[in-house]
Structures are given as C-alpha cells and as structure tokens.
Amino acid sequence: MNKGKVVKFVFCFILLIAIAIVARMVTIKENETFIIPNEVEIIRKYAFQGCENLKNLVFSKNLKIIEESAFEG
C-alpha cells in the first residue's frame, strides 16, 4: 500500500471516530474492514467519504441511524 493510500485510510478512520462520537477506537482488520463498536448508534453524513479501500463494514448491534450520504464519495 502506498503512502497516499495509507494517509487517506487513516483520515477515514479518524473521520469516522469524530463523526460517530464513539467512546473507543474503531477496530481495523486487514486495512479493508471497519468494525463499528457497540457504542455507536449513529453514522453521520459522509462518514466514509473517500474511504476507497473499505470493502467490509461490520455494524454495531446498537446502530439505530445511518444518515443520508453516509457512504457517498
């Protein structure tokens, strides 16, 4: 994985945490998967914008809302 992709992936990871307002860090597995912690109840607009490497997303059992455009971009 080149440096640009790593930077973009890390940015997506940080953005998800900030937007979802989670109490702990999202677990990343094999640089292609986000596991959303059970504390997350809302995924905000554009939470995954630019996350081109994301192939798998495991939703929390407490997830209640996925806002419009959460996966755009």
PDB file of N, CA and C in Angstrom:
ATOM      1  N   MET A   1       0.850  -1.167   0.000  1.00  0.00           N
ATOM      2  CA  MET A   1       0.000   0.000   0.000  1.00  0.00           C
ATOM      3  C   MET A   1       0.903   1.240   0.000  1.00  0.00           C
ATOM      4  N   ASN A   2       0.633   2.195  -0.903  1.00  0.00           N
ATOM      5  CA  ASN A   2       1.493   3.367  -0.962  1.00  0.00           C
ATOM      6  C   ASN A   2       1.100   4.392   0.107  1.00  0.00           C
ATOM      7  N   LYS A   3       1.983   5.378   0.302  1.00  0.00           N
ATOM      8  CA  LYS A   3       1.813   6.361   1.368  1.00  0.00           C
ATOM      9  C   LYS A   3       0.510   7.145   1.231  1.00  0.00           C
ATOM     10  N   GLY A   4       0.130   7.527   0.017  1.00  0.00           N
ATOM     11  CA  GLY A   4      -1.104   8.272  -0.211  1.00  0.00           C
ATOM     12  C   GLY A   4      -2.338   7.500   0.230  1.00  0.00           C
ATOM     13  N   LYS A   5      -2.358   6.211  -0.081  1.00  0.00           N
ATOM     14  CA  LYS A   5      -3.491   5.373   0.324  1.00  0.00           C
ATOM     15  C   LYS A   5      -3.530   5.207   1.834  1.00  0.00           C
ATOM     16  N   VAL A   6      -2.368   5.075   2.442  1.00  0.00           N
ATOM     17  CA  VAL A   6      -2.304   4.936   3.896  1.00  0.00           C
ATOM     18  C   VAL A   6      -2.832   6.204   4.562  1.00  0.00           C
ATOM     19  N   VAL A   7      -2.416   7.365   4.063  1.00  0.00           N
ATOM     20  CA  VAL A   7      -2.873   8.641   4.621  1.00  0.00           C
ATOM     21  C   VAL A   7      -4.387   8.772   4.476  1.00  0.00           C
ATOM     22  N   LYS A   8      -4.916   8.431   3.313  1.00  0.00           N
ATOM     23  CA  LYS A   8      -6.364   8.519   3.074  1.00  0.00           C
ATOM     24  C   LYS A   8      -7.117   7.552   3.983  1.00  0.00           C
ATOM     25  N   PHE A   9      -6.586   6.353   4.145  1.00  0.00           N
ATOM     26  CA  PHE A   9      -7.227   5.365   5.009  1.00  0.00           C
ATOM     27  C   PHE A   9      -7.239   5.842   6.455  1.00  0.00           C
ATOM     28  N   VAL A  10      -6.115   6.390   6.916  1.00  0.00           N
ATOM     29  CA  VAL A  10      -6.032   6.899   8.285  1.00  0.00           C
ATOM     30  C   VAL A  10      -7.009   8.067   8.460  1.00  0.00           C
ATOM     31  N   PHE A  11      -7.103   8.943   7.474  1.00  0.00           N
ATOM     32  CA  PHE A  11      -8.052  10.062   7.529  1.00  0.00           C
ATOM     33  C   PHE A  11      -9.482   9.539   7.679  1.00  0.00           C
ATOM     34  N   CYS A  12      -9.839   8.526   6.913  1.00  0.00           N
ATOM     35  CA  CYS A  12     -11.184   7.947   7.000  1.00  0.00           C
ATOM     36  C   CYS A  12     -11.444   7.378   8.386  1.00  0.00           C
ATOM     37  N   PHE A  13     -10.454   6.742   8.926  1.00  0.00           N
ATOM     38  CA  PHE A  13     -10.565   6.170  10.264  1.00  0.00           C
ATOM     39  C   PHE A  13     -10.825   7.266  11.292  1.00  0.00           C
ATOM     40  N   ILE A  14     -10.060   8.345  11.241  1.00  0.00           N
ATOM     41  CA  ILE A  14     -10.212   9.457  12.178  1.00  0.00           C
ATOM     42  C   ILE A  14     -11.559  10.147  11.985  1.00  0.00           C
ATOM     43  N   LEU A  15     -11.961  10.340  10.740  1.00  0.00           N
ATOM     44  CA  LEU A  15     -13.234  10.976  10.446  1.00  0.00           C
ATOM     45  C   LEU A  15     -14.398  10.168  11.006  1.00  0.00           C
ATOM     46  N   LEU A  16     -14.355   8.879  10.860  1.00  0.00           N
ATOM     47  CA  LEU A  16     -15.421   8.025  11.391  1.00  0.00           C
ATOM     48  C   LEU A  16     -15.553   8.207  12.894  1.00  0.00           C
ATOM     49  N   ILE A  17     -14.459   8.223  13.582  1.00  0.00           N
ATOM     50  CA  ILE A  17     -14.492   8.380  15.037  1.00  0.00           C
ATOM     51  C   ILE A  17     -15.079   9.729  15.418  1.00  0.00           C
ATOM     52  N   ALA A  18     -14.634  10.785  14.759  1.00  0.00           N
ATOM     53  CA  ALA A  18     -15.113  12.128  15.087  1.00  0.00           C
ATOM     54  C   ALA A  18     -16.598  12.279  14.807  1.00  0.00           C
ATOM     55  N   ILE A  19     -17.050  11.789  13.679  1.00  0.00           N
ATOM     56  CA  ILE A  19     -18.452  11.960  13.301  1.00  0.00           C
ATOM     57  C   ILE A  19     -19.364  11.082  14.142  1.00  0.00           C
ATOM     58  N   ALA A  20     -19.010   9.877  14.381  1.00  0.00           N
ATOM     59  CA  ALA A  20     -19.850   8.954  15.136  1.00  0.00           C
ATOM     60  C   ALA A  20     -19.807   9.225  16.639  1.00  0.00           C
ATOM     61  N   ILE A  21     -18.825  10.003  17.096  1.00  0.00           N
ATOM     62  CA  ILE A  21     -18.634  10.319  18.520  1.00  0.00           C
ATOM     63  C   ILE A  21     -18.615   9.035  19.349  1.00  0.00           C
ATOM     64  N   VAL A  22     -17.633   8.205  19.078  1.00  0.00           N
ATOM     65  CA  VAL A  22     -17.509   6.936  19.783  1.00  0.00           C
ATOM     66  C   VAL A  22     -16.610   7.067  20.999  1.00  0.00           C
ATOM     67  N   ALA A  23     -16.797   6.174  21.948  1.00  0.00           N
ATOM     68  CA  ALA A  23     -16.020   6.192  23.179  1.00  0.00           C
ATOM     69  C   ALA A  23     -14.695   5.452  23.042  1.00  0.00           C
ATOM     70  N   ARG A  24     -14.620   4.574  22.058  1.00  0.00           N
ATOM     71  CA  ARG A  24     -13.361   3.857  21.848  1.00  0.00           C
ATOM     72  C   ARG A  24     -13.053   3.814  20.361  1.00  0.00           C
ATOM     73  N   MET A  25     -11.841   3.423  20.035  1.00  0.00           N
ATOM     74  CA  MET A  25     -11.424   3.412  18.637  1.00  0.00           C
ATOM     75  C   MET A  25     -12.063   2.267  17.863  1.00  0.00           C
ATOM     76  N   VAL A  26     -12.325   2.535  16.602  1.00  0.00           N
ATOM     77  CA  VAL A  26     -12.853   1.516  15.704  1.00  0.00           C
ATOM     78  C   VAL A  26     -11.720   0.548  15.383  1.00  0.00           C
ATOM     79  N   THR A  27     -12.021  -0.728  15.416  1.00  0.00           N
ATOM     80  CA  THR A  27     -11.033  -1.748  15.102  1.00  0.00           C
ATOM     81  C   THR A  27     -10.906  -1.886  13.590  1.00  0.00           C
ATOM     82  N   ILE A  28      -9.676  -1.900  13.112  1.00  0.00           N
ATOM     83  CA  ILE A  28      -9.436  -2.091  11.689  1.00  0.00           C
ATOM     84  C   ILE A  28      -8.804  -3.460  11.499  1.00  0.00           C
ATOM     85  N   LYS A  29      -9.308  -4.195  10.534  1.00  0.00           N
ATOM     86  CA  LYS A  29      -8.773  -5.524  10.266  1.00  0.00           C
ATOM     87  C   LYS A  29      -8.403  -5.601   8.797  1.00  0.00           C
ATOM     88  N   GLU A  30      -7.158  -5.873   8.506  1.00  0.00           N
ATOM     89  CA  GLU A  30      -6.648  -6.059   7.148  1.00  0.00           C
ATOM     90  C   GLU A  30      -6.828  -4.828   6.266  1.00  0.00           C
ATOM     91  N   ASN A  31      -6.854  -3.650   6.862  1.00  0.00           N
ATOM     92  CA  ASN A  31      -6.913  -2.386   6.132  1.00  0.00           C
ATOM     93  C   ASN A  31      -8.083  -2.258   5.171  1.00  0.00           C
ATOM     94  N   GLU A  32      -9.037  -3.132   5.254  1.00  0.00           N
ATOM     95  CA  GLU A  32     -10.197  -3.083   4.361  1.00  0.00           C
ATOM     96  C   GLU A  32     -11.509  -3.187   5.127  1.00  0.00           C
ATOM     97  N   THR A  33     -11.433  -3.350   6.435  1.00  0.00           N
ATOM     98  CA  THR A  33     -12.629  -3.611   7.226  1.00  0.00           C
ATOM     99  C   THR A  33     -12.709  -2.670   8.422  1.00  0.00           C
ATOM    100  N   PHE A  34     -13.872  -2.095   8.645  1.00  0.00           N
ATOM    101  CA  PHE A  34     -14.151  -1.357   9.873  1.00  0.00           C
ATOM    102  C   PHE A  34     -15.126  -2.190  10.681  1.00  0.00           C
ATOM    103  N   ILE A  35     -14.858  -2.316  11.952  1.00  0.00           N
ATOM    104  CA  ILE A  35     -15.803  -2.943  12.868  1.00  0.00           C
ATOM    105  C   ILE A  35     -16.317  -1.821  13.759  1.00  0.00           C
ATOM    106  N   ILE A  36     -17.599  -1.528  13.612  1.00  0.00           N
ATOM    107  CA  ILE A  36     -18.194  -0.429  14.358  1.00  0.00           C
ATOM    108  C   ILE A  36     -18.471  -0.894  15.785  1.00  0.00           C
ATOM    109  N   PRO A  37     -17.943  -0.181  16.780  1.00  0.00           N
ATOM    110  CA  PRO A  37     -18.170  -0.591  18.170  1.00  0.00           C
ATOM    111  C   PRO A  37     -19.642  -0.504  18.564  1.00  0.00           C
ATOM    112  N   ASN A  38     -20.021  -1.259  19.563  1.00  0.00           N
ATOM    113  CA  ASN A  38     -21.409  -1.275  20.026  1.00  0.00           C
ATOM    114  C   ASN A  38     -21.879   0.073  20.560  1.00  0.00           C
ATOM    115  N   GLU A  39     -20.958   0.952  20.959  1.00  0.00           N
ATOM    116  CA  GLU A  39     -21.330   2.273  21.460  1.00  0.00           C
ATOM    117  C   GLU A  39     -21.882   3.191  20.367  1.00  0.00           C
ATOM    118  N   VAL A  40     -21.601   2.871  19.128  1.00  0.00           N
ATOM    119  CA  VAL A  40     -22.026   3.722  18.010  1.00  0.00           C
ATOM    120  C   VAL A  40     -23.504   3.476  17.719  1.00  0.00           C
ATOM    121  N   GLU A  41     -24.276   4.547  17.758  1.00  0.00           N
ATOM    122  CA  GLU A  41     -25.700   4.472  17.445  1.00  0.00           C
ATOM    123  C   GLU A  41     -26.038   5.200  16.149  1.00  0.00           C
ATOM    124  N   ILE A  42     -25.166   6.115  15.714  1.00  0.00           N
ATOM    125  CA  ILE A  42     -25.427   6.927  14.525  1.00  0.00           C
ATOM    126  C   ILE A  42     -24.178   6.975  13.649  1.00  0.00           C
ATOM    127  N   ILE A  43     -24.390   6.766  12.353  1.00  0.00           N
ATOM    128  CA  ILE A  43     -23.335   7.024  11.371  1.00  0.00           C
ATOM    129  C   ILE A  43     -23.772   8.274  10.619  1.00  0.00           C
ATOM    130  N   ARG A  44     -22.982   9.318  10.728  1.00  0.00           N
ATOM    131  CA  ARG A  44     -23.332  10.634  10.188  1.00  0.00           C
ATOM    132  C   ARG A  44     -23.062  10.739   8.691  1.00  0.00           C
ATOM    133  N   LYS A  45     -23.596  11.809   8.088  1.00  0.00           N
ATOM    134  CA  LYS A  45     -23.384  12.102   6.665  1.00  0.00           C
ATOM    135  C   LYS A  45     -21.897  12.109   6.352  1.00  0.00           C
ATOM    136  N   TYR A  46     -21.554  11.510   5.229  1.00  0.00           N
ATOM    137  CA  TYR A  46     -20.196  11.495   4.681  1.00  0.00           C
ATOM    138  C   TYR A  46     -19.161  10.847   5.612  1.00  0.00           C
ATOM    139  N   ALA A  47     -19.597  10.032   6.546  1.00  0.00           N
ATOM    140  CA  ALA A  47     -18.671   9.389   7.483  1.00  0.00           C
ATOM    141  C   ALA A  47     -17.595   8.585   6.767  1.00  0.00           C
ATOM    142  N   PHE A  48     -17.927   8.012   5.621  1.00  0.00           N
ATOM    143  CA  PHE A  48     -16.974   7.178   4.903  1.00  0.00           C
ATOM    144  C   PHE A  48     -16.525   7.807   3.596  1.00  0.00           C
ATOM    145  N   GLN A  49     -16.667   9.110   3.465  1.00  0.00           N
ATOM    146  CA  GLN A  49     -16.259   9.810   2.242  1.00  0.00           C
ATOM    147  C   GLN A  49     -14.772   9.588   1.987  1.00  0.00           C
ATOM    148  N   GLY A  50     -14.459   9.167   0.782  1.00  0.00           N
ATOM    149  CA  GLY A  50     -13.074   8.957   0.384  1.00  0.00           C
ATOM    150  C   GLY A  50     -12.455   7.657   0.867  1.00  0.00           C
ATOM    151  N   CYS A  51     -13.218   6.810   1.493  1.00  0.00           N
ATOM    152  CA  CYS A  51     -12.687   5.538   2.010  1.00  0.00           C
ATOM    153  C   CYS A  51     -12.714   4.487   0.899  1.00  0.00           C
ATOM    154  N   GLU A  52     -11.807   4.635  -0.034  1.00  0.00           N
ATOM    155  CA  GLU A  52     -11.784   3.778  -1.219  1.00  0.00           C
ATOM    156  C   GLU A  52     -11.361   2.350  -0.914  1.00  0.00           C
ATOM    157  N   ASN A  53     -10.610   2.137   0.148  1.00  0.00           N
ATOM    158  CA  ASN A  53     -10.133   0.798   0.488  1.00  0.00           C
ATOM    159  C   ASN A  53     -11.154  -0.024   1.261  1.00  0.00           C
ATOM    160  N   LEU A  54     -12.187   0.616   1.735  1.00  0.00           N
ATOM    161  CA  LEU A  54     -13.177  -0.069   2.562  1.00  0.00           C
ATOM    162  C   LEU A  54     -13.958  -1.081   1.739  1.00  0.00           C
ATOM    163  N   LYS A  55     -13.882  -2.327   2.144  1.00  0.00           N
ATOM    164  CA  LYS A  55     -14.595  -3.400   1.456  1.00  0.00           C
ATOM    165  C   LYS A  55     -15.621  -4.063   2.354  1.00  0.00           C
ATOM    166  N   ASN A  56     -15.379  -4.045   3.656  1.00  0.00           N
ATOM    167  CA  ASN A  56     -16.266  -4.704   4.617  1.00  0.00           C
ATOM    168  C   ASN A  56     -16.558  -3.761   5.769  1.00  0.00           C
ATOM    169  N   LEU A  57     -17.787  -3.775   6.221  1.00  0.00           N
ATOM    170  CA  LEU A  57     -18.189  -2.967   7.360  1.00  0.00           C
ATOM    171  C   LEU A  57     -19.070  -3.827   8.246  1.00  0.00           C
ATOM    172  N   VAL A  58     -18.670  -3.978   9.495  1.00  0.00           N
ATOM    173  CA  VAL A  58     -19.443  -4.754  10.452  1.00  0.00           C
ATOM    174  C   VAL A  58     -20.149  -3.754  11.359  1.00  0.00           C
ATOM    175  N   PHE A  59     -21.481  -3.732  11.288  1.00  0.00           N
ATOM    176  CA  PHE A  59     -22.262  -2.765  12.038  1.00  0.00           C
ATOM    177  C   PHE A  59     -22.419  -3.195  13.491  1.00  0.00           C
ATOM    178  N   SER A  60     -22.519  -2.180  14.365  1.00  0.00           N
ATOM    179  CA  SER A  60     -22.749  -2.467  15.781  1.00  0.00           C
ATOM    180  C   SER A  60     -24.183  -2.939  15.979  1.00  0.00           C
ATOM    181  N   LYS A  61     -24.384  -3.714  16.998  1.00  0.00           N
ATOM    182  CA  LYS A  61     -25.728  -4.206  17.272  1.00  0.00           C
ATOM    183  C   LYS A  61     -26.640  -3.100  17.785  1.00  0.00           C
ATOM    184  N   ASN A  62     -26.060  -1.979  18.197  1.00  0.00           N
ATOM    185  CA  ASN A  62     -26.837  -0.852  18.720  1.00  0.00           C
ATOM    186  C   ASN A  62     -27.054   0.262  17.696  1.00  0.00           C
ATOM    187  N   LEU A  63     -26.629   0.045  16.475  1.00  0.00           N
ATOM    188  CA  LEU A  63     -26.776   1.061  15.437  1.00  0.00           C
ATOM    189  C   LEU A  63     -28.251   1.320  15.163  1.00  0.00           C
ATOM    190  N   LYS A  64     -28.644   2.596  15.234  1.00  0.00           N
ATOM    191  CA  LYS A  64     -30.047   2.970  15.049  1.00  0.00           C
ATOM    192  C   LYS A  64     -30.271   3.811  13.797  1.00  0.00           C
ATOM    193  N   ILE A  65     -29.279   4.643  13.441  1.00  0.00           N
ATOM    194  CA  ILE A  65     -29.453   5.586  12.337  1.00  0.00           C
ATOM    195  C   ILE A  65     -28.223   5.581  11.435  1.00  0.00           C
ATOM    196  N   ILE A  66     -28.458   5.496  10.144  1.00  0.00           N
ATOM    197  CA  ILE A  66     -27.415   5.750   9.142  1.00  0.00           C
ATOM    198  C   ILE A  66     -27.927   6.923   8.339  1.00  0.00           C
ATOM    199  N   GLU A  67     -27.279   8.072   8.498  1.00  0.00           N
ATOM    200  CA  GLU A  67     -27.757   9.274   7.818  1.00  0.00           C
ATOM    201  C   GLU A  67     -27.528   9.190   6.316  1.00  0.00           C
ATOM    202  N   GLU A  68     -28.357   9.922   5.592  1.00  0.00           N
ATOM    203  CA  GLU A  68     -28.253  10.013   4.144  1.00  0.00           C
ATOM    204  C   GLU A  68     -26.828  10.417   3.768  1.00  0.00           C
ATOM    205  N   SER A  69     -26.316   9.840   2.730  1.00  0.00           N
ATOM    206  CA  SER A  69     -24.985  10.143   2.179  1.00  0.00           C
ATOM    207  C   SER A  69     -23.831   9.649   3.042  1.00  0.00           C
ATOM    208  N   ALA A  70     -24.079   8.781   3.995  1.00  0.00           N
ATOM    209  CA  ALA A  70     -23.014   8.277   4.862  1.00  0.00           C
ATOM    210  C   ALA A  70     -21.924   7.557   4.072  1.00  0.00           C
ATOM    211  N   PHE A  71     -22.292   6.970   2.924  1.00  0.00           N
ATOM    212  CA  PHE A  71     -21.322   6.202   2.159  1.00  0.00           C
ATOM    213  C   PHE A  71     -21.007   6.843   0.805  1.00  0.00           C
ATOM    214  N   GLU A  72     -21.377   8.094   0.605  1.00  0.00           N
ATOM    215  CA  GLU A  72     -21.070   8.789  -0.651  1.00  0.00           C
ATOM    216  C   GLU A  72     -19.622   9.228  -0.663  1.00  0.00           C
ATOM    217  N   GLY A  73     -19.095   9.291  -1.883  1.00  0.00           N
ATOM    218  CA  GLY A  73     -17.746   9.811  -2.061  1.00  0.00           C
ATOM    219  C   GLY A  73     -16.740   8.748  -1.937  1.00  0.00           C
TER     220      GLY A  73
END
